[in-house]
Amino acid sequence: MRKVAAFTPARWARLAESELVAVCDAQGERRAGFAARYGGRAFDDPCAMLAQAGVEAVSICTPHPLHRDPAVLAARAGSPRSGREASGRRASRLRRP
């Protein structure tokens, strides 16, 4: 489990109005372990998660160079999103190829 993903659920759990409803990770073992530890339905596809899990907000816990694509998916799905770091250090990294 990466460091941001390790402490983010505890922070959200402090908010009475929050509930972890889904987790998404490409790595099956890590995804299953995270869902078992913190709850929520496990997904390997962010599009399926956004469409099926009743997500109202998204917390993006990927390494910062990988924030762009999940942020774009969440925005297109109409979900507010949160990330710990900027999506890229240069504007050129934010543009789609």
Protein backbone atom coordinates (compact mmCIF):
# COMPACT_ATOMS: atom_id res chain seq x y z
CA MET A 1 0.00 0.00 0.00
CA ARG A 2 1.37 3.38 -0.91
CA LYS A 3 1.86 6.00 1.77
CA VAL A 4 -0.98 8.35 0.71
CA ALA A 5 -3.45 5.49 0.43
CA ALA A 6 -2.37 4.31 3.88
CA PHE A 7 -3.48 7.45 5.74
CA THR A 8 -6.27 8.86 3.53
CA PRO A 9 -9.07 6.48 4.68
CA ALA A 10 -8.43 7.34 8.32
CA ARG A 11 -8.79 11.04 7.54
CA TRP A 12 -12.05 10.56 5.65
CA ALA A 13 -13.38 8.30 8.43
CA ARG A 14 -13.17 11.22 10.86
CA LEU A 15 -15.95 12.93 8.92
CA ALA A 16 -19.30 11.62 10.10
CA GLU A 17 -20.88 12.39 6.72
CA SER A 18 -18.32 10.35 4.73
CA GLU A 19 -18.45 6.69 3.78
CA LEU A 20 -15.93 4.74 1.73
CA VAL A 21 -18.09 3.04 -0.90
CA ALA A 22 -15.47 1.86 -3.40
CA VAL A 23 -11.78 1.37 -4.01
CA CYS A 24 -10.02 1.01 -7.33
CA ASP A 25 -6.58 -0.41 -8.06
CA ALA A 26 -5.13 -2.28 -11.02
CA GLN A 27 -3.27 -4.69 -8.70
CA GLY A 28 -5.69 -7.35 -7.50
CA GLU A 29 -4.01 -8.30 -4.23
CA ARG A 30 -3.53 -4.70 -3.15
CA ARG A 31 -7.11 -3.84 -4.18
CA ALA A 32 -8.58 -6.76 -2.22
CA GLY A 33 -6.47 -6.00 0.85
CA PHE A 34 -7.45 -2.35 0.85
CA ALA A 35 -11.15 -3.16 0.52
CA ALA A 36 -10.92 -5.77 3.29
CA ARG A 37 -9.19 -3.31 5.61
CA TYR A 38 -11.24 -0.17 4.94
CA GLY A 39 -14.47 -1.42 3.38
CA GLY A 40 -16.03 -0.47 0.09
CA ARG A 41 -16.56 -2.42 -3.09
CA ALA A 42 -13.36 -3.26 -4.98
CA PHE A 43 -12.94 -2.32 -8.66
CA ASP A 44 -10.13 -2.74 -11.16
CA ASP A 45 -11.65 -0.25 -13.61
CA PRO A 46 -12.21 3.39 -12.57
CA CYS A 47 -14.93 3.88 -15.22
CA ALA A 48 -16.90 0.94 -13.84
CA MET A 49 -16.40 2.21 -10.28
CA LEU A 50 -17.69 5.67 -11.16
CA ALA A 51 -20.69 4.22 -13.01
CA GLN A 52 -21.71 1.49 -10.57
CA ALA A 53 -20.66 2.36 -7.01
CA GLY A 54 -22.78 5.42 -6.25
CA VAL A 55 -19.66 7.54 -5.85
CA GLU A 56 -20.32 11.15 -4.81
CA ALA A 57 -16.68 12.25 -4.45
CA VAL A 58 -13.31 10.81 -5.40
CA SER A 59 -10.05 10.89 -3.48
CA ILE A 60 -7.19 10.25 -5.88
CA CYS A 61 -4.28 8.53 -4.13
CA THR A 62 -2.02 7.79 -7.06
CA PRO A 63 1.54 9.08 -7.43
CA HIS A 64 1.22 12.68 -8.66
CA PRO A 65 2.32 12.02 -12.26
CA LEU A 66 -0.66 9.66 -12.54
CA HIS A 67 -3.37 12.00 -11.18
CA ARG A 68 -4.49 13.42 -14.52
CA ASP A 69 -6.39 10.47 -15.99
CA PRO A 70 -8.38 9.57 -12.84
CA ALA A 71 -9.14 13.27 -12.30
CA VAL A 72 -10.45 13.60 -15.85
CA LEU A 73 -12.60 10.47 -15.45
CA ALA A 74 -14.03 11.74 -12.16
CA ALA A 75 -14.74 15.16 -13.65
CA ARG A 76 -16.52 13.63 -16.63
CA ALA A 77 -18.60 11.53 -14.22
CA GLY A 78 -19.51 14.69 -12.31
CA SER A 79 -17.71 13.68 -9.11
CA PRO A 80 -15.79 16.22 -7.06
CA ARG A 81 -12.22 15.02 -6.65
CA SER A 82 -9.39 15.42 -4.22
CA GLY A 83 -5.70 14.78 -4.78
CA ARG A 84 -2.75 15.31 -2.48
CA GLU A 85 -0.38 16.72 -5.10
CA ALA A 86 -0.65 18.64 -8.34
CA SER A 87 -1.43 16.58 -11.41
CA GLY A 88 1.90 17.52 -12.91
CA ARG A 89 4.71 19.93 -12.46
CA ARG A 90 4.52 21.24 -16.01
CA ALA A 91 1.48 22.22 -18.05
CA SER A 92 2.70 19.99 -20.87
CA ARG A 93 2.15 16.96 -18.62
CA LEU A 94 -1.47 17.91 -18.07
CA ARG A 95 -2.28 17.90 -21.75
CA ARG A 96 -3.48 14.73 -23.35
CA PRO A 97 -1.16 13.34 -26.03
